Amino acid sequence: MIPLFARVLVLDNGETAVTIICLDMVSPWFPEVREKLVRDFGMARVLVNCSHTH
């Protein structure tokens, strides 16, 4: 089994926070992930970036 990796960067200037998530997979459930981040952590500005290479 090949491990999958995720990297997250949160930029926050004290007023606005932006979250960038980089995943090495593609999945149809990313809208659910974004909704959970907003609901559970208050992260309203979320960018999910995916790559899928062989």
Protein backbone atom coordinates (compact mmCIF):
# COMPACT_ATOMS: atom_id res chain seq x y z
CA MET A 1 0.00 0.00 0.00
CA ILE A 2 1.31 3.45 -0.96
CA PRO A 3 0.97 6.11 1.77
CA LEU A 4 -1.06 9.22 1.00
CA PHE A 5 0.03 12.62 2.21
CA ALA A 6 -1.75 15.82 3.13
CA ARG A 7 -0.21 19.19 3.80
CA VAL A 8 -2.06 22.08 5.36
CA LEU A 9 -1.09 25.73 5.52
CA VAL A 10 -3.12 28.21 7.56
CA LEU A 11 -2.38 31.89 7.04
CA ASP A 12 -3.91 34.19 9.66
CA ASN A 13 -3.33 37.92 10.06
CA GLY A 14 -5.53 38.20 13.15
CA GLU A 15 -8.60 39.23 11.18
CA THR A 16 -8.80 36.75 8.32
CA ALA A 17 -7.62 33.15 8.11
CA VAL A 18 -7.08 31.20 4.89
CA THR A 19 -6.55 27.44 4.85
CA ILE A 20 -4.83 25.67 1.95
CA ILE A 21 -4.98 21.86 1.88
CA CYS A 22 -2.87 19.87 -0.57
CA LEU A 23 -3.72 16.19 -1.06
CA ASP A 24 -2.16 13.58 -3.32
CA MET A 25 -5.51 12.03 -4.18
CA VAL A 26 -8.77 12.96 -5.86
CA SER A 27 -12.13 12.30 -4.26
CA PRO A 28 -15.74 13.38 -4.73
CA TRP A 29 -16.18 14.13 -1.00
CA PHE A 30 -14.19 17.40 -0.87
CA PRO A 31 -17.34 19.56 -0.52
CA GLU A 32 -18.12 17.58 2.66
CA VAL A 33 -14.60 18.20 3.97
CA ARG A 34 -14.94 21.94 3.33
CA GLU A 35 -18.34 22.01 5.09
CA LYS A 36 -16.87 20.19 8.10
CA LEU A 37 -13.96 22.65 8.34
CA VAL A 38 -16.38 25.58 8.32
CA ARG A 39 -18.75 23.94 10.83
CA ASP A 40 -16.20 22.49 13.27
CA PHE A 41 -13.31 24.97 13.02
CA GLY A 42 -14.78 28.18 11.58
CA MET A 43 -12.50 28.05 8.53
CA ALA A 44 -14.58 29.93 5.96
CA ARG A 45 -11.80 30.38 3.40
CA VAL A 46 -10.60 26.94 2.35
CA LEU A 47 -8.79 25.88 -0.82
CA VAL A 48 -8.40 22.15 -1.47
CA ASN A 49 -5.74 21.32 -4.05
CA CYS A 50 -5.46 17.76 -5.35
CA SER A 51 -2.99 15.94 -7.51
CA HIS A 52 -3.23 12.44 -8.85
CA THR A 53 -0.18 11.08 -10.58
CA HIS A 54 1.04 7.63 -11.44
